[in-house]
N, C-alpha and C. Protein backbone atom coordinates (compact mmCIF):
# COMPACT_ATOMS: atom_id res chain seq x y z
N MET A 1 26.15 -3.24 -12.93
CA MET A 1 25.32 -3.97 -11.96
C MET A 1 23.93 -3.34 -11.87
N ILE A 2 22.94 -4.16 -11.63
CA ILE A 2 21.56 -3.75 -11.52
C ILE A 2 21.05 -4.13 -10.12
N VAL A 3 20.13 -3.33 -9.61
CA VAL A 3 19.52 -3.62 -8.31
C VAL A 3 18.12 -4.18 -8.53
N LEU A 4 17.87 -5.33 -7.97
CA LEU A 4 16.55 -5.96 -8.03
C LEU A 4 15.91 -5.87 -6.65
N VAL A 5 14.67 -5.38 -6.61
CA VAL A 5 13.93 -5.30 -5.35
C VAL A 5 12.62 -6.05 -5.50
N TYR A 6 12.35 -6.94 -4.56
CA TYR A 6 11.10 -7.71 -4.55
C TYR A 6 10.35 -7.47 -3.24
N PHE A 7 9.01 -7.47 -3.33
CA PHE A 7 8.16 -7.54 -2.14
C PHE A 7 7.03 -8.51 -2.45
N TRP A 8 6.73 -9.41 -1.50
CA TRP A 8 5.65 -10.38 -1.67
C TRP A 8 4.63 -10.25 -0.55
N LYS A 9 3.36 -10.24 -0.92
CA LYS A 9 2.27 -10.37 0.04
C LYS A 9 1.96 -11.85 0.14
N ILE A 10 2.14 -12.40 1.33
CA ILE A 10 2.01 -13.85 1.47
C ILE A 10 0.73 -14.25 2.19
N LYS A 11 0.37 -15.52 2.02
CA LYS A 11 -0.76 -16.09 2.76
C LYS A 11 -0.38 -16.16 4.24
N ILE A 12 -1.34 -15.93 5.11
CA ILE A 12 -1.03 -15.94 6.55
C ILE A 12 -0.50 -17.30 6.98
N THR A 13 -0.94 -18.37 6.31
CA THR A 13 -0.45 -19.70 6.65
C THR A 13 1.00 -19.91 6.22
N SER A 14 1.51 -18.98 5.39
CA SER A 14 2.90 -19.08 4.91
C SER A 14 3.89 -18.38 5.84
N PHE A 15 3.40 -17.80 6.93
CA PHE A 15 4.27 -17.04 7.82
C PHE A 15 5.45 -17.86 8.34
N PRO A 16 5.25 -19.10 8.82
CA PRO A 16 6.42 -19.88 9.28
C PRO A 16 7.45 -20.09 8.17
N SER A 17 6.98 -20.34 6.95
CA SER A 17 7.91 -20.54 5.84
C SER A 17 8.67 -19.27 5.52
N ALA A 18 8.01 -18.13 5.65
CA ALA A 18 8.68 -16.85 5.41
C ALA A 18 9.81 -16.64 6.41
N LEU A 19 9.58 -17.00 7.66
CA LEU A 19 10.63 -16.88 8.68
C LEU A 19 11.81 -17.77 8.34
N LEU A 20 11.55 -18.96 7.83
CA LEU A 20 12.64 -19.85 7.43
C LEU A 20 13.43 -19.24 6.27
N HIS A 21 12.72 -18.63 5.34
CA HIS A 21 13.41 -17.95 4.23
C HIS A 21 14.33 -16.86 4.77
N MET A 22 13.83 -16.07 5.71
CA MET A 22 14.64 -14.98 6.27
C MET A 22 15.90 -15.52 6.93
N ALA A 23 15.78 -16.71 7.51
CA ALA A 23 16.93 -17.29 8.20
C ALA A 23 17.94 -17.93 7.26
N PHE A 24 17.44 -18.56 6.18
CA PHE A 24 18.33 -19.39 5.37
C PHE A 24 18.59 -18.90 3.95
N ASP A 25 17.81 -17.97 3.43
CA ASP A 25 18.06 -17.47 2.07
C ASP A 25 19.46 -16.90 1.91
N ARG A 26 19.96 -16.27 2.97
CA ARG A 26 21.26 -15.62 2.88
C ARG A 26 22.38 -16.60 2.51
N PHE A 27 22.24 -17.86 2.95
CA PHE A 27 23.27 -18.85 2.63
C PHE A 27 23.24 -19.19 1.15
N ILE A 28 22.04 -19.27 0.58
CA ILE A 28 21.90 -19.52 -0.85
C ILE A 28 22.42 -18.34 -1.65
N LEU A 29 22.08 -17.14 -1.21
CA LEU A 29 22.50 -15.92 -1.91
C LEU A 29 24.01 -15.73 -1.85
N ARG A 30 24.61 -16.10 -0.74
CA ARG A 30 26.06 -15.98 -0.61
C ARG A 30 26.79 -16.89 -1.59
N ARG A 31 26.19 -18.01 -1.91
CA ARG A 31 26.83 -18.97 -2.82
C ARG A 31 26.68 -18.56 -4.29
N ASN A 32 25.80 -17.61 -4.56
CA ASN A 32 25.60 -17.14 -5.93
C ASN A 32 26.69 -16.12 -6.26
N LYS A 33 27.65 -16.50 -7.07
CA LYS A 33 28.81 -15.65 -7.35
C LYS A 33 28.45 -14.41 -8.17
N ASN A 34 27.25 -14.40 -8.76
CA ASN A 34 26.83 -13.23 -9.54
C ASN A 34 26.34 -12.09 -8.66
N ILE A 35 25.94 -12.41 -7.43
CA ILE A 35 25.36 -11.41 -6.54
C ILE A 35 26.46 -10.77 -5.68
N THR A 36 26.56 -9.46 -5.75
CA THR A 36 27.58 -8.75 -4.98
C THR A 36 27.06 -8.21 -3.65
N PHE A 37 25.74 -8.12 -3.52
CA PHE A 37 25.16 -7.62 -2.26
C PHE A 37 23.72 -8.11 -2.20
N HIS A 38 23.26 -8.44 -0.99
CA HIS A 38 21.87 -8.89 -0.84
C HIS A 38 21.38 -8.62 0.57
N LYS A 39 20.08 -8.41 0.70
CA LYS A 39 19.44 -8.24 1.99
C LYS A 39 18.03 -8.79 1.95
N SER A 40 17.72 -9.67 2.89
CA SER A 40 16.35 -10.11 3.10
C SER A 40 15.68 -9.10 4.02
N LEU A 41 14.43 -8.74 3.70
CA LEU A 41 13.80 -7.62 4.37
C LEU A 41 12.42 -7.96 4.93
N GLY A 42 12.18 -7.51 6.15
CA GLY A 42 10.83 -7.45 6.65
C GLY A 42 10.24 -6.10 6.24
N THR A 43 8.94 -5.94 6.38
CA THR A 43 8.32 -4.68 5.98
C THR A 43 7.38 -4.17 7.07
N GLY A 44 6.98 -2.93 6.91
CA GLY A 44 6.03 -2.33 7.84
C GLY A 44 5.43 -1.08 7.23
N ARG A 45 4.58 -0.45 8.01
CA ARG A 45 3.91 0.76 7.52
C ARG A 45 4.88 1.93 7.44
N GLY A 46 6.00 1.86 8.16
CA GLY A 46 6.97 2.95 8.13
C GLY A 46 6.48 4.19 8.83
N GLU A 47 5.63 4.03 9.85
CA GLU A 47 5.07 5.18 10.55
C GLU A 47 5.83 5.51 11.83
N THR A 48 6.23 4.48 12.58
CA THR A 48 6.94 4.72 13.84
C THR A 48 8.29 4.01 13.89
N PHE A 49 8.51 3.03 13.00
CA PHE A 49 9.73 2.23 12.98
C PHE A 49 9.94 1.49 14.30
N THR A 50 8.83 1.09 14.91
CA THR A 50 8.84 0.24 16.10
C THR A 50 8.21 -1.10 15.70
N PRO A 51 8.29 -2.14 16.57
CA PRO A 51 7.74 -3.44 16.21
C PRO A 51 6.26 -3.42 15.85
N ARG A 52 5.48 -2.47 16.39
CA ARG A 52 4.06 -2.46 16.07
C ARG A 52 3.78 -2.05 14.63
N ASP A 53 4.79 -1.55 13.94
CA ASP A 53 4.67 -1.21 12.52
C ASP A 53 4.73 -2.44 11.62
N ALA A 54 5.26 -3.53 12.12
CA ALA A 54 5.60 -4.67 11.28
C ALA A 54 4.39 -5.26 10.56
N ASP A 55 4.61 -5.65 9.32
CA ASP A 55 3.59 -6.32 8.51
C ASP A 55 4.07 -7.76 8.28
N VAL A 56 3.51 -8.71 9.02
CA VAL A 56 3.97 -10.10 8.95
C VAL A 56 3.51 -10.79 7.67
N ARG A 57 2.71 -10.10 6.86
CA ARG A 57 2.23 -10.70 5.63
C ARG A 57 2.95 -10.15 4.40
N ARG A 58 3.99 -9.35 4.63
CA ARG A 58 4.73 -8.84 3.48
C ARG A 58 6.23 -8.89 3.77
N TRP A 59 6.98 -9.45 2.81
CA TRP A 59 8.41 -9.67 2.97
C TRP A 59 9.13 -9.26 1.69
N GLY A 60 10.41 -8.95 1.81
CA GLY A 60 11.11 -8.44 0.64
C GLY A 60 12.53 -8.97 0.50
N LEU A 61 13.10 -8.66 -0.64
CA LEU A 61 14.47 -9.07 -0.95
C LEU A 61 15.10 -8.04 -1.87
N LEU A 62 16.35 -7.71 -1.61
CA LEU A 62 17.13 -6.81 -2.47
C LEU A 62 18.42 -7.50 -2.85
N VAL A 63 18.75 -7.48 -4.14
CA VAL A 63 20.02 -8.05 -4.61
C VAL A 63 20.64 -7.11 -5.62
N VAL A 64 21.96 -7.11 -5.65
CA VAL A 64 22.73 -6.39 -6.67
C VAL A 64 23.36 -7.45 -7.57
N ILE A 65 23.08 -7.37 -8.86
CA ILE A 65 23.42 -8.47 -9.77
C ILE A 65 23.69 -7.92 -11.16
N PRO A 66 24.52 -8.59 -11.97
CA PRO A 66 24.72 -8.13 -13.35
C PRO A 66 23.41 -8.13 -14.13
N GLU A 67 23.25 -7.15 -15.01
CA GLU A 67 22.01 -7.05 -15.79
C GLU A 67 21.77 -8.31 -16.60
N SER A 68 22.83 -8.94 -17.07
CA SER A 68 22.69 -10.15 -17.89
C SER A 68 22.15 -11.34 -17.10
N LYS A 69 22.16 -11.26 -15.77
CA LYS A 69 21.72 -12.37 -14.93
C LYS A 69 20.34 -12.14 -14.30
N VAL A 70 19.70 -11.04 -14.66
CA VAL A 70 18.41 -10.69 -14.05
C VAL A 70 17.36 -11.77 -14.33
N ASP A 71 17.19 -12.15 -15.58
CA ASP A 71 16.16 -13.13 -15.92
C ASP A 71 16.43 -14.48 -15.27
N GLU A 72 17.69 -14.86 -15.23
CA GLU A 72 18.05 -16.14 -14.61
C GLU A 72 17.68 -16.14 -13.13
N PHE A 73 17.99 -15.03 -12.44
CA PHE A 73 17.67 -14.96 -11.02
C PHE A 73 16.16 -14.88 -10.81
N ASP A 74 15.47 -14.17 -11.70
CA ASP A 74 14.02 -14.01 -11.58
C ASP A 74 13.30 -15.35 -11.70
N ASN A 75 13.94 -16.31 -12.34
CA ASN A 75 13.35 -17.64 -12.50
C ASN A 75 14.03 -18.70 -11.63
N SER A 76 14.81 -18.25 -10.67
CA SER A 76 15.55 -19.17 -9.80
C SER A 76 14.62 -19.89 -8.83
N LYS A 77 15.12 -20.96 -8.23
CA LYS A 77 14.33 -21.72 -7.25
C LYS A 77 13.97 -20.86 -6.04
N LEU A 78 14.89 -20.00 -5.64
CA LEU A 78 14.64 -19.16 -4.46
C LEU A 78 13.44 -18.25 -4.70
N ILE A 79 13.40 -17.58 -5.85
CA ILE A 79 12.29 -16.69 -6.15
C ILE A 79 11.01 -17.48 -6.37
N THR A 80 11.11 -18.63 -7.02
CA THR A 80 9.94 -19.47 -7.24
C THR A 80 9.32 -19.91 -5.93
N ARG A 81 10.15 -20.22 -4.94
CA ARG A 81 9.62 -20.64 -3.63
C ARG A 81 8.88 -19.49 -2.95
N TRP A 82 9.41 -18.26 -3.08
CA TRP A 82 8.70 -17.11 -2.52
C TRP A 82 7.35 -16.93 -3.21
N ARG A 83 7.32 -17.11 -4.51
CA ARG A 83 6.06 -16.94 -5.25
C ARG A 83 5.01 -17.95 -4.81
N LYS A 84 5.44 -19.12 -4.39
CA LYS A 84 4.50 -20.13 -3.91
C LYS A 84 3.88 -19.73 -2.57
N LEU A 85 4.58 -18.87 -1.81
CA LEU A 85 4.05 -18.39 -0.53
C LEU A 85 3.07 -17.24 -0.72
N ALA A 86 3.14 -16.60 -1.89
CA ALA A 86 2.34 -15.40 -2.14
C ALA A 86 0.86 -15.72 -2.26
N ILE A 87 0.02 -14.72 -2.02
CA ILE A 87 -1.43 -14.90 -2.08
C ILE A 87 -1.86 -15.31 -3.47
N ASN A 88 -1.34 -14.60 -4.48
CA ASN A 88 -1.63 -14.93 -5.88
C ASN A 88 -0.56 -14.31 -6.76
N SER A 89 -0.71 -14.44 -8.06
CA SER A 89 0.31 -13.95 -9.00
C SER A 89 0.44 -12.44 -9.00
N LYS A 90 -0.59 -11.75 -8.50
CA LYS A 90 -0.56 -10.28 -8.45
C LYS A 90 0.04 -9.75 -7.14
N SER A 91 0.47 -10.67 -6.29
CA SER A 91 0.96 -10.28 -4.95
C SER A 91 2.45 -10.03 -4.90
N GLU A 92 3.10 -10.02 -6.07
CA GLU A 92 4.53 -9.73 -6.12
C GLU A 92 4.78 -8.35 -6.71
N TYR A 93 5.65 -7.61 -6.04
CA TYR A 93 6.15 -6.35 -6.60
C TYR A 93 7.61 -6.57 -6.94
N ARG A 94 8.02 -6.13 -8.15
CA ARG A 94 9.42 -6.24 -8.53
C ARG A 94 9.85 -4.98 -9.24
N ALA A 95 11.00 -4.46 -8.86
CA ALA A 95 11.57 -3.27 -9.51
C ALA A 95 12.99 -3.58 -9.96
N VAL A 96 13.31 -3.18 -11.17
CA VAL A 96 14.67 -3.26 -11.70
C VAL A 96 15.22 -1.85 -11.71
N LEU A 97 16.29 -1.62 -10.99
CA LEU A 97 16.79 -0.27 -10.74
C LEU A 97 18.25 -0.13 -11.14
N GLN A 98 18.62 1.08 -11.54
CA GLN A 98 20.03 1.41 -11.77
C GLN A 98 20.38 2.60 -10.87
N PRO A 99 21.44 2.50 -10.10
CA PRO A 99 21.79 3.60 -9.18
C PRO A 99 22.05 4.91 -9.91
N ILE A 100 21.58 6.00 -9.29
CA ILE A 100 21.91 7.35 -9.74
C ILE A 100 22.93 7.97 -8.80
N SER A 101 22.68 7.82 -7.51
CA SER A 101 23.62 8.32 -6.50
C SER A 101 23.43 7.52 -5.22
N SER A 102 24.46 7.49 -4.40
CA SER A 102 24.39 6.77 -3.14
C SER A 102 25.37 7.40 -2.16
N HIS A 103 24.90 7.62 -0.93
CA HIS A 103 25.74 8.20 0.12
C HIS A 103 25.61 7.37 1.39
N GLY A 104 26.74 6.98 1.93
CA GLY A 104 26.74 6.20 3.16
C GLY A 104 27.00 4.73 2.92
N LYS A 105 26.83 3.93 3.98
CA LYS A 105 27.13 2.50 3.91
C LYS A 105 26.00 1.66 4.48
N TRP A 106 25.96 0.43 4.02
CA TRP A 106 24.98 -0.56 4.50
C TRP A 106 25.78 -1.79 4.90
N SER A 107 25.76 -2.07 6.20
CA SER A 107 26.56 -3.19 6.74
C SER A 107 28.02 -3.09 6.30
N LYS A 108 28.55 -1.88 6.36
CA LYS A 108 29.95 -1.56 6.05
C LYS A 108 30.27 -1.66 4.56
N HIS A 109 29.26 -1.79 3.73
CA HIS A 109 29.46 -1.86 2.28
C HIS A 109 28.87 -0.61 1.60
N GLU A 110 29.34 -0.36 0.39
CA GLU A 110 28.76 0.67 -0.46
C GLU A 110 28.20 -0.04 -1.70
N PRO A 111 27.03 -0.66 -1.56
CA PRO A 111 26.54 -1.59 -2.59
C PRO A 111 26.09 -0.93 -3.89
N PHE A 112 25.81 0.38 -3.86
CA PHE A 112 25.25 1.03 -5.05
C PHE A 112 26.20 2.06 -5.66
N SER A 113 27.48 1.89 -5.43
CA SER A 113 28.46 2.87 -5.90
C SER A 113 28.90 2.65 -7.34
N GLU A 114 28.59 1.48 -7.91
CA GLU A 114 29.02 1.16 -9.28
C GLU A 114 27.88 1.34 -10.28
N ASN A 115 28.26 1.52 -11.54
CA ASN A 115 27.31 1.59 -12.65
C ASN A 115 26.23 2.66 -12.43
N GLN A 116 26.64 3.79 -11.88
CA GLN A 116 25.67 4.86 -11.63
C GLN A 116 25.32 5.59 -12.93
N ARG A 117 24.07 5.97 -13.03
CA ARG A 117 23.56 6.64 -14.21
C ARG A 117 23.53 8.14 -13.96
N SER A 118 24.16 8.93 -14.84
CA SER A 118 24.27 10.38 -14.61
C SER A 118 23.10 11.16 -15.19
N ASN A 119 22.45 10.65 -16.23
CA ASN A 119 21.35 11.38 -16.84
C ASN A 119 20.09 10.52 -16.86
N TRP A 120 19.06 10.95 -16.16
CA TRP A 120 17.82 10.20 -16.10
C TRP A 120 16.66 11.17 -15.84
N ASP A 121 15.66 11.16 -16.72
CA ASP A 121 14.53 12.06 -16.59
C ASP A 121 13.23 11.35 -16.24
N GLY A 122 13.31 10.04 -16.05
CA GLY A 122 12.09 9.27 -15.79
C GLY A 122 11.79 9.10 -14.32
N ARG A 123 11.00 8.09 -14.03
CA ARG A 123 10.62 7.79 -12.65
C ARG A 123 11.83 7.32 -11.85
N VAL A 124 11.80 7.56 -10.55
CA VAL A 124 12.92 7.19 -9.69
C VAL A 124 12.43 6.45 -8.45
N ALA A 125 13.35 5.80 -7.79
CA ALA A 125 13.11 5.16 -6.50
C ALA A 125 14.14 5.67 -5.52
N ALA A 126 13.78 5.66 -4.26
CA ALA A 126 14.70 6.08 -3.20
C ALA A 126 14.73 5.03 -2.10
N LEU A 127 15.90 4.81 -1.55
CA LEU A 127 16.06 3.88 -0.44
C LEU A 127 16.84 4.57 0.66
N THR A 128 16.28 4.56 1.86
CA THR A 128 17.00 5.04 3.04
C THR A 128 17.15 3.87 4.00
N ARG A 129 18.28 3.84 4.66
CA ARG A 129 18.52 2.76 5.61
C ARG A 129 19.43 3.27 6.71
N ALA A 130 19.15 2.90 7.95
CA ALA A 130 19.96 3.38 9.07
C ALA A 130 20.04 2.34 10.18
N ARG A 131 21.17 2.31 10.83
CA ARG A 131 21.34 1.55 12.06
C ARG A 131 21.33 2.56 13.20
N ILE A 132 20.30 2.50 14.01
CA ILE A 132 20.06 3.52 15.03
C ILE A 132 20.80 3.17 16.32
N LYS A 133 21.45 4.16 16.90
CA LYS A 133 22.09 3.95 18.19
C LYS A 133 21.02 3.68 19.24
N TRP A 134 21.17 2.57 19.93
CA TRP A 134 20.11 2.12 20.83
C TRP A 134 19.75 3.18 21.87
N ARG A 135 20.72 3.86 22.41
CA ARG A 135 20.45 4.84 23.48
C ARG A 135 19.66 6.05 22.97
N LEU A 136 19.60 6.21 21.63
CA LEU A 136 18.87 7.35 21.06
C LEU A 136 17.57 6.91 20.37
N SER A 137 17.19 5.66 20.55
CA SER A 137 16.02 5.13 19.84
C SER A 137 14.75 5.90 20.16
N SER A 138 14.53 6.21 21.43
CA SER A 138 13.28 6.88 21.81
C SER A 138 13.18 8.26 21.16
N LYS A 139 14.29 8.98 21.08
CA LYS A 139 14.27 10.30 20.43
C LYS A 139 14.01 10.15 18.93
N PHE A 140 14.59 9.13 18.34
CA PHE A 140 14.36 8.88 16.91
C PHE A 140 12.89 8.57 16.66
N TRP A 141 12.29 7.70 17.46
CA TRP A 141 10.90 7.31 17.25
C TRP A 141 9.96 8.50 17.40
N ARG A 142 10.29 9.44 18.30
CA ARG A 142 9.44 10.62 18.46
C ARG A 142 9.53 11.54 17.24
N ALA A 143 10.68 11.51 16.56
CA ALA A 143 10.88 12.40 15.41
C ALA A 143 10.28 11.85 14.12
N VAL A 144 10.01 10.56 14.08
CA VAL A 144 9.59 9.92 12.83
C VAL A 144 8.18 10.28 12.36
N PRO A 145 7.12 10.26 13.21
CA PRO A 145 5.76 10.45 12.70
C PRO A 145 5.54 11.67 11.82
N PRO A 146 6.03 12.89 12.16
CA PRO A 146 5.80 14.02 11.26
C PRO A 146 6.41 13.82 9.87
N VAL A 147 7.55 13.15 9.80
CA VAL A 147 8.20 12.91 8.51
C VAL A 147 7.38 11.93 7.68
N THR A 148 6.90 10.85 8.29
CA THR A 148 6.14 9.86 7.54
C THR A 148 4.81 10.43 7.06
N LEU A 149 4.20 11.28 7.87
CA LEU A 149 2.95 11.92 7.44
C LEU A 149 3.19 12.81 6.23
N SER A 150 4.27 13.57 6.26
CA SER A 150 4.57 14.45 5.13
C SER A 150 4.97 13.64 3.90
N LEU A 151 5.62 12.48 4.10
CA LEU A 151 5.98 11.63 2.97
C LEU A 151 4.73 11.14 2.25
N LYS A 152 3.76 10.66 3.00
CA LYS A 152 2.57 10.07 2.39
C LYS A 152 1.76 11.08 1.59
N SER A 153 1.89 12.35 1.93
CA SER A 153 1.14 13.38 1.21
C SER A 153 2.02 14.16 0.22
N ALA A 154 3.25 13.72 0.02
CA ALA A 154 4.19 14.45 -0.84
C ALA A 154 3.76 14.37 -2.31
N PRO A 155 3.73 15.49 -3.02
CA PRO A 155 3.41 15.47 -4.45
C PRO A 155 4.44 14.63 -5.21
N GLY A 156 3.96 13.80 -6.10
CA GLY A 156 4.85 12.98 -6.92
C GLY A 156 5.19 11.63 -6.34
N LEU A 157 4.74 11.35 -5.11
CA LEU A 157 5.01 10.03 -4.52
C LEU A 157 4.10 8.99 -5.16
N ARG A 158 4.68 7.90 -5.61
CA ARG A 158 3.91 6.79 -6.17
C ARG A 158 3.58 5.74 -5.11
N GLY A 159 4.55 5.44 -4.26
CA GLY A 159 4.35 4.43 -3.24
C GLY A 159 5.51 4.43 -2.27
N ALA A 160 5.27 3.96 -1.04
CA ALA A 160 6.33 3.90 -0.04
C ALA A 160 6.05 2.76 0.93
N ILE A 161 7.12 2.15 1.42
CA ILE A 161 7.00 1.04 2.35
C ILE A 161 8.15 1.09 3.33
N GLY A 162 7.89 0.76 4.58
CA GLY A 162 8.95 0.65 5.57
C GLY A 162 9.67 -0.68 5.41
N ILE A 163 10.98 -0.68 5.57
CA ILE A 163 11.76 -1.92 5.47
C ILE A 163 12.63 -2.07 6.72
N GLY A 164 12.97 -3.31 7.05
CA GLY A 164 13.80 -3.55 8.21
C GLY A 164 14.50 -4.89 8.14
N GLU A 165 15.69 -4.94 8.70
CA GLU A 165 16.44 -6.20 8.78
C GLU A 165 16.26 -6.86 10.14
N ALA A 166 15.61 -6.14 11.06
CA ALA A 166 15.37 -6.64 12.41
C ALA A 166 14.16 -5.90 12.95
N PRO A 167 13.52 -6.41 14.01
CA PRO A 167 12.34 -5.72 14.55
C PRO A 167 12.59 -4.28 14.96
N VAL A 168 13.78 -3.99 15.50
CA VAL A 168 14.13 -2.61 15.87
C VAL A 168 15.59 -2.36 15.50
N GLY A 169 15.90 -1.09 15.32
CA GLY A 169 17.30 -0.68 15.20
C GLY A 169 17.88 -0.65 13.81
N LEU A 170 17.36 -1.47 12.89
CA LEU A 170 17.87 -1.52 11.52
C LEU A 170 16.71 -1.23 10.58
N GLN A 171 16.49 0.05 10.33
CA GLN A 171 15.26 0.47 9.70
C GLN A 171 15.50 1.30 8.44
N GLY A 172 14.46 1.41 7.62
CA GLY A 172 14.59 2.22 6.42
C GLY A 172 13.27 2.34 5.68
N THR A 173 13.32 2.96 4.50
CA THR A 173 12.15 3.10 3.65
C THR A 173 12.55 2.85 2.19
N PHE A 174 11.59 2.37 1.43
CA PHE A 174 11.74 2.27 -0.02
C PHE A 174 10.55 3.00 -0.62
N SER A 175 10.82 3.94 -1.52
CA SER A 175 9.74 4.73 -2.10
C SER A 175 9.96 4.94 -3.59
N THR A 176 8.86 5.15 -4.31
CA THR A 176 8.95 5.40 -5.75
C THR A 176 8.29 6.75 -6.06
N TRP A 177 8.83 7.44 -7.08
CA TRP A 177 8.44 8.82 -7.35
C TRP A 177 8.26 9.05 -8.85
N ASP A 178 7.43 10.04 -9.15
CA ASP A 178 7.22 10.42 -10.55
C ASP A 178 8.50 10.91 -11.21
N SER A 179 9.35 11.57 -10.42
CA SER A 179 10.56 12.18 -10.99
C SER A 179 11.57 12.46 -9.89
N GLY A 180 12.81 12.70 -10.31
CA GLY A 180 13.84 13.11 -9.37
C GLY A 180 13.52 14.45 -8.75
N ALA A 181 12.87 15.33 -9.50
CA ALA A 181 12.52 16.65 -8.97
C ALA A 181 11.54 16.54 -7.82
N ALA A 182 10.56 15.63 -7.93
CA ALA A 182 9.59 15.44 -6.85
C ALA A 182 10.26 14.91 -5.60
N LEU A 183 11.19 13.98 -5.77
CA LEU A 183 11.93 13.44 -4.63
C LEU A 183 12.78 14.52 -3.97
N ARG A 184 13.47 15.33 -4.77
CA ARG A 184 14.31 16.38 -4.21
C ARG A 184 13.48 17.43 -3.47
N GLU A 185 12.29 17.72 -3.99
CA GLU A 185 11.42 18.70 -3.33
C GLU A 185 11.05 18.23 -1.93
N PHE A 186 10.70 16.94 -1.81
CA PHE A 186 10.38 16.40 -0.49
C PHE A 186 11.60 16.38 0.42
N ALA A 187 12.73 15.94 -0.13
CA ALA A 187 13.93 15.74 0.69
C ALA A 187 14.51 17.04 1.22
N TYR A 188 14.48 18.09 0.39
CA TYR A 188 15.20 19.31 0.75
C TYR A 188 14.32 20.51 1.10
N ASN A 189 13.03 20.44 0.73
CA ASN A 189 12.17 21.59 1.00
C ASN A 189 11.00 21.28 1.94
N GLY A 190 10.74 20.01 2.19
CA GLY A 190 9.69 19.67 3.14
C GLY A 190 10.13 19.97 4.56
N GLU A 191 9.34 20.73 5.29
CA GLU A 191 9.74 21.19 6.63
C GLU A 191 9.99 20.05 7.62
N PRO A 192 9.11 19.04 7.72
CA PRO A 192 9.40 17.94 8.66
C PRO A 192 10.69 17.21 8.33
N HIS A 193 10.94 17.03 7.03
CA HIS A 193 12.16 16.31 6.65
C HIS A 193 13.40 17.15 6.92
N LYS A 194 13.31 18.44 6.64
CA LYS A 194 14.45 19.33 6.93
C LYS A 194 14.74 19.35 8.43
N LYS A 195 13.70 19.36 9.25
CA LYS A 195 13.88 19.35 10.70
C LYS A 195 14.54 18.05 11.15
N ALA A 196 14.14 16.92 10.53
CA ALA A 196 14.73 15.63 10.88
C ALA A 196 16.21 15.59 10.50
N ILE A 197 16.55 16.19 9.35
CA ILE A 197 17.96 16.24 8.93
C ILE A 197 18.79 17.03 9.93
N LEU A 198 18.26 18.15 10.39
CA LEU A 198 18.97 18.97 11.39
C LEU A 198 19.14 18.19 12.70
N SER A 199 18.08 17.46 13.10
CA SER A 199 18.17 16.67 14.33
C SER A 199 19.21 15.56 14.19
N THR A 200 19.28 14.98 12.99
CA THR A 200 20.27 13.93 12.74
C THR A 200 21.68 14.46 12.95
N LYS A 201 21.95 15.64 12.41
CA LYS A 201 23.27 16.23 12.55
C LYS A 201 23.56 16.61 14.00
N LYS A 202 22.54 17.09 14.70
CA LYS A 202 22.73 17.56 16.07
C LYS A 202 22.89 16.39 17.05
N LEU A 203 22.00 15.38 16.92
CA LEU A 203 21.96 14.29 17.89
C LEU A 203 22.84 13.11 17.51
N ASP A 204 23.18 13.00 16.21
CA ASP A 204 24.03 11.91 15.73
C ASP A 204 23.46 10.56 16.15
N TRP A 205 22.18 10.32 15.78
CA TRP A 205 21.51 9.13 16.29
C TRP A 205 21.72 7.89 15.43
N TYR A 206 22.46 7.99 14.33
CA TYR A 206 22.73 6.83 13.48
C TYR A 206 24.16 6.33 13.67
N ALA A 207 24.31 5.02 13.85
CA ALA A 207 25.64 4.41 13.86
C ALA A 207 26.11 4.17 12.43
N GLU A 208 25.14 4.05 11.50
CA GLU A 208 25.44 3.85 10.09
C GLU A 208 24.19 4.26 9.31
N GLU A 209 24.38 4.92 8.18
CA GLU A 209 23.22 5.33 7.39
C GLU A 209 23.55 5.33 5.90
N LEU A 210 22.50 5.22 5.09
CA LEU A 210 22.66 5.22 3.65
C LEU A 210 21.42 5.84 3.01
N PHE A 211 21.65 6.65 1.98
CA PHE A 211 20.57 7.18 1.16
C PHE A 211 20.95 6.98 -0.29
N ALA A 212 20.08 6.37 -1.07
CA ALA A 212 20.38 6.10 -2.48
C ALA A 212 19.18 6.43 -3.36
N ARG A 213 19.48 6.92 -4.57
CA ARG A 213 18.47 7.19 -5.58
C ARG A 213 18.73 6.29 -6.79
N PHE A 214 17.64 5.87 -7.43
CA PHE A 214 17.75 4.92 -8.53
C PHE A 214 16.86 5.33 -9.70
N ALA A 215 17.31 5.02 -10.90
CA ALA A 215 16.47 5.11 -12.08
C ALA A 215 15.56 3.88 -12.11
N MET A 216 14.27 4.11 -12.33
CA MET A 216 13.33 3.00 -12.41
C MET A 216 13.34 2.44 -13.83
N ILE A 217 14.09 1.37 -14.02
CA ILE A 217 14.23 0.77 -15.34
C ILE A 217 13.00 -0.06 -15.70
N GLN A 218 12.50 -0.78 -14.72
CA GLN A 218 11.33 -1.65 -14.96
C GLN A 218 10.60 -1.85 -13.64
N GLU A 219 9.29 -1.92 -13.72
CA GLU A 219 8.49 -2.12 -12.50
C GLU A 219 7.32 -3.02 -12.82
N ARG A 220 7.04 -3.93 -11.86
CA ARG A 220 5.95 -4.87 -12.03
C ARG A 220 5.21 -5.02 -10.71
N GLY A 221 3.89 -4.89 -10.73
CA GLY A 221 3.11 -5.00 -9.52
C GLY A 221 2.96 -3.68 -8.80
N GLU A 222 2.29 -3.70 -7.65
CA GLU A 222 2.04 -2.50 -6.87
C GLU A 222 2.81 -2.55 -5.56
N LEU A 223 3.40 -1.41 -5.22
CA LEU A 223 4.17 -1.32 -3.98
C LEU A 223 3.24 -1.23 -2.78
């Protein structure tokens, strides 16, 4: 299985249509027997993970699909309709990814546990996702800014974007890196991130969380 990630920068006049896509794309995706997992995504700056972070002009989609079906899905009516909402042909970002490792669950699923690649020396992508316990939201939001600041200045970072399935509570990040070593350096040796990990263990502020690393098989556009 391969992971496909899309992000589109849309025309401001396309905002109502984007909301309809968020509401109804899932029914189309559920009927596609080739897709084992999918998520429609809103985006944001990923600075505070509050509603004021939201970017109403950028929307995303993640699907897990057989490699043999990638081109077919890339030319599907659903993707074509999103492209019509985009500002221009350069407003689409697409990444083709193969899982390297994955820990945790997303909506009670482990979507990236199959077809993992054990040896990869090239560029990588990382995805974090969490469902935050509502009573601990304020503590989580206070802890986020130092981590996001350190992420943006991390050596080896190519790009990063905040992702969300809802305005609050279901938050995450998608980032791309020069190498797995650069990602590991940020994750395990960066002081703000290490402090956040300790706080996570101490406060237990996630009802569900997932962290996954991917081999960057193909990339098109800018994140």
